[in-house]
Amino acid sequence: MTVEIKKYSNRRLYNTDTSSYITQEDIVDLIKKKINFQITDVDSKKNITSSILLQILLERQTAGTTNLIPEDFLKQIILFNENNQASDMFNFLNGMHGFANSNNIFAKGLDGMMKFNPFDFQKYFQFPTNGSKSKKEEAKEEKTDLSELSKELEKLKSQLSELKKSSN
């Protein structure tokens, strides 16, 4: 079930579920309780949930002493939007949220962050397993490949040396 919240032109928020006006703090409580909600502008009928959440975030950021979102990151978001690449930024942020969420970073805080490794792709994605090899086999093949490359390099060096001698 999704709670519908209406935003009126006087900036007041109205929870249709409880038939009462609510504050931004009440919205934070809905988030903490993991209650789904949608905020709709009464005049335009548009879903403005993201805008209201950003407002809450900005008000908390300006009230605090620590910036939650680095300025450079905010500038990048603006650039993506200006270059009509907002969907790319959305996909990136959504992917990062998926990484963080699967590691329970939001629930466990810093403890979850310490265990979070965004480069451990095997943990998050299913890779094809047809004929997959163990890490030992892969390492052995890589060592063999390096050995063969090294031999080929030595062979090329000797050929180059012979060419230099014959041109003198």
C-alpha atoms as a PDB file:
ATOM      1  CA  MET A   1       0.000   0.000   0.000  1.00  0.00           C
ATOM      2  CA  THR A   2       1.252   3.474  -0.848  1.00  0.00           C
ATOM      3  CA  VAL A   3       0.275   6.456   1.258  1.00  0.00           C
ATOM      4  CA  GLU A   4      -0.755   9.441  -0.846  1.00  0.00           C
ATOM      5  CA  ILE A   5       0.440  12.816   0.363  1.00  0.00           C
ATOM      6  CA  LYS A   6      -0.801  15.972  -1.295  1.00  0.00           C
ATOM      7  CA  LYS A   7       1.194  19.182  -1.414  1.00  0.00           C
ATOM      8  CA  TYR A   8      -0.860  22.342  -1.563  1.00  0.00           C
ATOM      9  CA  SER A   9       0.248  25.702  -2.962  1.00  0.00           C
ATOM     10  CA  ASN A  10       0.666  27.017   0.592  1.00  0.00           C
ATOM     11  CA  ARG A  11       3.506  24.447   0.923  1.00  0.00           C
ATOM     12  CA  ARG A  12       1.528  22.321   3.382  1.00  0.00           C
ATOM     13  CA  LEU A  13       1.582  18.557   3.100  1.00  0.00           C
ATOM     14  CA  TYR A  14      -1.593  16.557   3.643  1.00  0.00           C
ATOM     15  CA  ASN A  15      -1.562  12.836   4.417  1.00  0.00           C
ATOM     16  CA  THR A  16      -4.699  11.360   2.860  1.00  0.00           C
ATOM     17  CA  ASP A  17      -4.276   8.165   4.897  1.00  0.00           C
ATOM     18  CA  THR A  18      -4.539   9.923   8.272  1.00  0.00           C
ATOM     19  CA  SER A  19      -6.554  12.926   6.968  1.00  0.00           C
ATOM     20  CA  SER A  20      -4.125  15.325   8.592  1.00  0.00           C
ATOM     21  CA  TYR A  21      -1.475  17.856   7.724  1.00  0.00           C
ATOM     22  CA  ILE A  22       2.063  16.607   8.205  1.00  0.00           C
ATOM     23  CA  THR A  23       5.547  18.064   8.398  1.00  0.00           C
ATOM     24  CA  GLN A  24       8.793  17.087   6.736  1.00  0.00           C
ATOM     25  CA  GLU A  25       9.710  15.361   9.991  1.00  0.00           C
ATOM     26  CA  ASP A  26       6.620  13.161   9.582  1.00  0.00           C
ATOM     27  CA  ILE A  27       7.892  12.210   6.123  1.00  0.00           C
ATOM     28  CA  VAL A  28      11.230  11.209   7.686  1.00  0.00           C
ATOM     29  CA  ASP A  29       9.266   9.041  10.127  1.00  0.00           C
ATOM     30  CA  LEU A  30       7.478   7.354   7.208  1.00  0.00           C
ATOM     31  CA  ILE A  31      10.887   6.602   5.694  1.00  0.00           C
ATOM     32  CA  LYS A  32      12.176   5.192   8.982  1.00  0.00           C
ATOM     33  CA  LYS A  33       9.080   2.988   9.248  1.00  0.00           C
ATOM     34  CA  LYS A  34       9.638   1.883   5.632  1.00  0.00           C
ATOM     35  CA  ILE A  35       6.172   3.020   4.618  1.00  0.00           C
ATOM     36  CA  ASN A  36       5.778   3.643   0.891  1.00  0.00           C
ATOM     37  CA  PHE A  37       4.420   7.050   0.009  1.00  0.00           C
ATOM     38  CA  GLN A  38       4.004   9.366  -2.923  1.00  0.00           C
ATOM     39  CA  ILE A  39       3.777  13.131  -2.774  1.00  0.00           C
ATOM     40  CA  THR A  40       1.620  14.762  -5.448  1.00  0.00           C
ATOM     41  CA  ASP A  41       1.310  18.450  -6.236  1.00  0.00           C
ATOM     42  CA  VAL A  42      -2.394  19.314  -6.031  1.00  0.00           C
ATOM     43  CA  ASP A  43      -2.259  21.922  -8.809  1.00  0.00           C
ATOM     44  CA  SER A  44      -0.136  20.126 -11.429  1.00  0.00           C
ATOM     45  CA  LYS A  45      -1.001  16.543 -10.377  1.00  0.00           C
ATOM     46  CA  LYS A  46       2.708  15.671 -10.777  1.00  0.00           C
ATOM     47  CA  ASN A  47       4.613  13.270  -8.565  1.00  0.00           C
ATOM     48  CA  ILE A  48       6.994  15.536  -6.625  1.00  0.00           C
ATOM     49  CA  THR A  49       8.273  12.990  -4.109  1.00  0.00           C
ATOM     50  CA  SER A  50      11.909  13.360  -5.216  1.00  0.00           C
ATOM     51  CA  SER A  51      11.738  17.150  -4.974  1.00  0.00           C
ATOM     52  CA  ILE A  52      10.354  17.058  -1.439  1.00  0.00           C
ATOM     53  CA  LEU A  53      12.970  14.482  -0.384  1.00  0.00           C
ATOM     54  CA  LEU A  54      15.694  16.722  -1.823  1.00  0.00           C
ATOM     55  CA  GLN A  55      14.249  19.666   0.113  1.00  0.00           C
ATOM     56  CA  ILE A  56      14.405  17.661   3.326  1.00  0.00           C
ATOM     57  CA  LEU A  57      17.967  16.637   2.557  1.00  0.00           C
ATOM     58  CA  LEU A  58      19.021  20.213   1.748  1.00  0.00           C
ATOM     59  CA  GLU A  59      17.450  21.623   4.889  1.00  0.00           C
ATOM     60  CA  ARG A  60      19.220  19.038   6.998  1.00  0.00           C
ATOM     61  CA  GLN A  61      22.499  19.685   5.206  1.00  0.00           C
ATOM     62  CA  THR A  62      22.336  23.448   5.768  1.00  0.00           C
ATOM     63  CA  ALA A  63      21.360  22.922   9.419  1.00  0.00           C
ATOM     64  CA  GLY A  64      24.307  20.602  10.067  1.00  0.00           C
ATOM     65  CA  THR A  65      28.022  21.227  10.148  1.00  0.00           C
ATOM     66  CA  THR A  66      28.963  18.423   7.772  1.00  0.00           C
ATOM     67  CA  ASN A  67      28.099  18.418   4.094  1.00  0.00           C
ATOM     68  CA  LEU A  68      26.405  15.162   3.277  1.00  0.00           C
ATOM     69  CA  ILE A  69      26.890  15.487  -0.474  1.00  0.00           C
ATOM     70  CA  PRO A  70      30.230  16.781  -1.789  1.00  0.00           C
ATOM     71  CA  GLU A  71      30.023  19.894  -3.970  1.00  0.00           C
ATOM     72  CA  ASP A  72      31.923  18.263  -6.843  1.00  0.00           C
ATOM     73  CA  PHE A  73      29.387  15.451  -6.926  1.00  0.00           C
ATOM     74  CA  LEU A  74      26.499  17.928  -7.023  1.00  0.00           C
ATOM     75  CA  LYS A  75      28.216  19.762  -9.879  1.00  0.00           C
ATOM     76  CA  GLN A  76      28.540  16.479 -11.785  1.00  0.00           C
ATOM     77  CA  ILE A  77      24.832  15.811 -11.352  1.00  0.00           C
ATOM     78  CA  ILE A  78      24.046  19.275 -12.737  1.00  0.00           C
ATOM     79  CA  LEU A  79      26.382  18.697 -15.696  1.00  0.00           C
ATOM     80  CA  PHE A  80      24.760  15.356 -16.484  1.00  0.00           C
ATOM     81  CA  ASN A  81      21.367  17.048 -16.421  1.00  0.00           C
ATOM     82  CA  GLU A  82      22.576  19.929 -18.626  1.00  0.00           C
ATOM     83  CA  ASN A  83      24.042  17.486 -21.154  1.00  0.00           C
ATOM     84  CA  ASN A  84      20.797  15.493 -21.342  1.00  0.00           C
ATOM     85  CA  GLN A  85      22.441  12.552 -19.596  1.00  0.00           C
ATOM     86  CA  ALA A  86      20.213  12.542 -16.541  1.00  0.00           C
ATOM     87  CA  SER A  87      19.151   8.953 -17.252  1.00  0.00           C
ATOM     88  CA  ASP A  88      22.817   7.870 -17.190  1.00  0.00           C
ATOM     89  CA  MET A  89      23.286   9.540 -13.806  1.00  0.00           C
ATOM     90  CA  PHE A  90      20.049   7.967 -12.567  1.00  0.00           C
ATOM     91  CA  ASN A  91      21.238   4.509 -13.664  1.00  0.00           C
ATOM     92  CA  PHE A  92      24.620   5.048 -12.002  1.00  0.00           C
ATOM     93  CA  LEU A  93      23.090   6.230  -8.729  1.00  0.00           C
ATOM     94  CA  ASN A  94      20.524   3.458  -8.813  1.00  0.00           C
ATOM     95  CA  GLY A  95      23.320   0.903  -9.315  1.00  0.00           C
ATOM     96  CA  MET A  96      25.336   2.336  -6.435  1.00  0.00           C
ATOM     97  CA  HIS A  97      22.229   2.257  -4.260  1.00  0.00           C
ATOM     98  CA  GLY A  98      21.822  -1.404  -5.177  1.00  0.00           C
ATOM     99  CA  PHE A  99      25.438  -2.121  -4.179  1.00  0.00           C
ATOM    100  CA  ALA A 100      25.051  -0.276  -0.885  1.00  0.00           C
ATOM    101  CA  ASN A 101      21.673  -1.790  -0.151  1.00  0.00           C
ATOM    102  CA  SER A 102      22.872  -5.345  -0.784  1.00  0.00           C
ATOM    103  CA  ASN A 103      25.631  -4.736   1.774  1.00  0.00           C
ATOM    104  CA  ASN A 104      23.180  -3.246   4.293  1.00  0.00           C
ATOM    105  CA  ILE A 105      25.213  -0.042   4.460  1.00  0.00           C
ATOM    106  CA  PHE A 106      22.098   2.008   5.160  1.00  0.00           C
ATOM    107  CA  ALA A 107      21.033  -0.268   8.004  1.00  0.00           C
ATOM    108  CA  LYS A 108      24.460  -1.080   9.496  1.00  0.00           C
ATOM    109  CA  GLY A 109      26.119   2.287   8.980  1.00  0.00           C
ATOM    110  CA  LEU A 110      29.901   2.461   8.969  1.00  0.00           C
ATOM    111  CA  ASP A 111      30.236  -1.207   9.915  1.00  0.00           C
ATOM    112  CA  GLY A 112      28.455  -2.085   6.668  1.00  0.00           C
ATOM    113  CA  MET A 113      30.578   0.437   4.770  1.00  0.00           C
ATOM    114  CA  MET A 114      33.812  -1.217   5.881  1.00  0.00           C
ATOM    115  CA  LYS A 115      32.681  -4.506   4.333  1.00  0.00           C
ATOM    116  CA  PHE A 116      31.419  -2.835   1.160  1.00  0.00           C
ATOM    117  CA  ASN A 117      33.555  -3.390  -1.925  1.00  0.00           C
ATOM    118  CA  PRO A 118      31.984  -1.961  -5.099  1.00  0.00           C
ATOM    119  CA  PHE A 119      34.663  -3.703  -7.168  1.00  0.00           C
ATOM    120  CA  ASP A 120      33.670  -7.174  -6.014  1.00  0.00           C
ATOM    121  CA  PHE A 121      31.450  -7.586  -9.053  1.00  0.00           C
ATOM    122  CA  GLN A 122      31.070 -11.357  -8.696  1.00  0.00           C
ATOM    123  CA  LYS A 123      29.172 -10.755  -5.484  1.00  0.00           C
ATOM    124  CA  TYR A 124      26.591  -8.568  -7.225  1.00  0.00           C
ATOM    125  CA  PHE A 125      26.312  -9.969 -10.727  1.00  0.00           C
ATOM    126  CA  GLN A 126      25.847 -13.428 -12.142  1.00  0.00           C
ATOM    127  CA  PHE A 127      28.602 -14.175 -14.612  1.00  0.00           C
ATOM    128  CA  PRO A 128      28.274 -17.004 -17.138  1.00  0.00           C
ATOM    129  CA  THR A 129      29.593 -20.245 -15.702  1.00  0.00           C
ATOM    130  CA  ASN A 130      29.858 -22.321 -18.870  1.00  0.00           C
ATOM    131  CA  GLY A 131      33.301 -23.865 -18.684  1.00  0.00           C
ATOM    132  CA  SER A 132      34.396 -21.567 -15.883  1.00  0.00           C
ATOM    133  CA  LYS A 133      37.748 -22.255 -14.276  1.00  0.00           C
ATOM    134  CA  SER A 134      38.994 -22.096 -10.745  1.00  0.00           C
ATOM    135  CA  LYS A 135      41.181 -19.217  -9.638  1.00  0.00           C
ATOM    136  CA  LYS A 136      44.179 -21.587  -9.518  1.00  0.00           C
ATOM    137  CA  GLU A 137      43.614 -22.638 -13.114  1.00  0.00           C
ATOM    138  CA  GLU A 138      43.211 -19.012 -14.207  1.00  0.00           C
ATOM    139  CA  ALA A 139      46.415 -18.023 -12.383  1.00  0.00           C
ATOM    140  CA  LYS A 140      48.308 -20.921 -13.970  1.00  0.00           C
ATOM    141  CA  GLU A 141      47.066 -19.938 -17.442  1.00  0.00           C
ATOM    142  CA  GLU A 142      47.978 -16.316 -16.809  1.00  0.00           C
ATOM    143  CA  LYS A 143      51.474 -17.366 -15.709  1.00  0.00           C
ATOM    144  CA  THR A 144      51.812 -19.502 -18.855  1.00  0.00           C
ATOM    145  CA  ASP A 145      50.596 -16.618 -21.011  1.00  0.00           C
ATOM    146  CA  LEU A 146      53.144 -14.307 -19.396  1.00  0.00           C
ATOM    147  CA  SER A 147      55.876 -16.856 -19.913  1.00  0.00           C
ATOM    148  CA  GLU A 148      54.976 -17.200 -23.596  1.00  0.00           C
ATOM    149  CA  LEU A 149      54.835 -13.430 -23.994  1.00  0.00           C
ATOM    150  CA  SER A 150      58.221 -13.103 -22.367  1.00  0.00           C
ATOM    151  CA  LYS A 151      59.693 -15.683 -24.777  1.00  0.00           C
ATOM    152  CA  GLU A 152      58.114 -13.888 -27.748  1.00  0.00           C
ATOM    153  CA  LEU A 153      59.537 -10.572 -26.522  1.00  0.00           C
ATOM    154  CA  GLU A 154      63.030 -12.065 -26.249  1.00  0.00           C
ATOM    155  CA  LYS A 155      62.698 -13.485 -29.752  1.00  0.00           C
ATOM    156  CA  LEU A 156      61.684 -10.048 -31.108  1.00  0.00           C
ATOM    157  CA  LYS A 157      64.593  -8.408 -29.284  1.00  0.00           C
ATOM    158  CA  SER A 158      67.080 -10.805 -30.867  1.00  0.00           C
ATOM    159  CA  GLN A 159      65.549 -10.244 -34.319  1.00  0.00           C
ATOM    160  CA  LEU A 160      65.789  -6.485 -33.822  1.00  0.00           C
ATOM    161  CA  SER A 161      69.390  -6.834 -32.717  1.00  0.00           C
ATOM    162  CA  GLU A 162      70.211  -8.883 -35.840  1.00  0.00           C
ATOM    163  CA  LEU A 163      68.540  -6.249 -38.033  1.00  0.00           C
ATOM    164  CA  LYS A 164      70.621  -3.532 -36.452  1.00  0.00           C
ATOM    165  CA  LYS A 165      73.809  -5.531 -37.034  1.00  0.00           C
ATOM    166  CA  SER A 166      73.009  -6.209 -40.667  1.00  0.00           C
ATOM    167  CA  SER A 167      72.186  -2.544 -41.394  1.00  0.00           C
ATOM    168  CA  ASN A 168      75.595  -1.418 -40.038  1.00  0.00           C
END
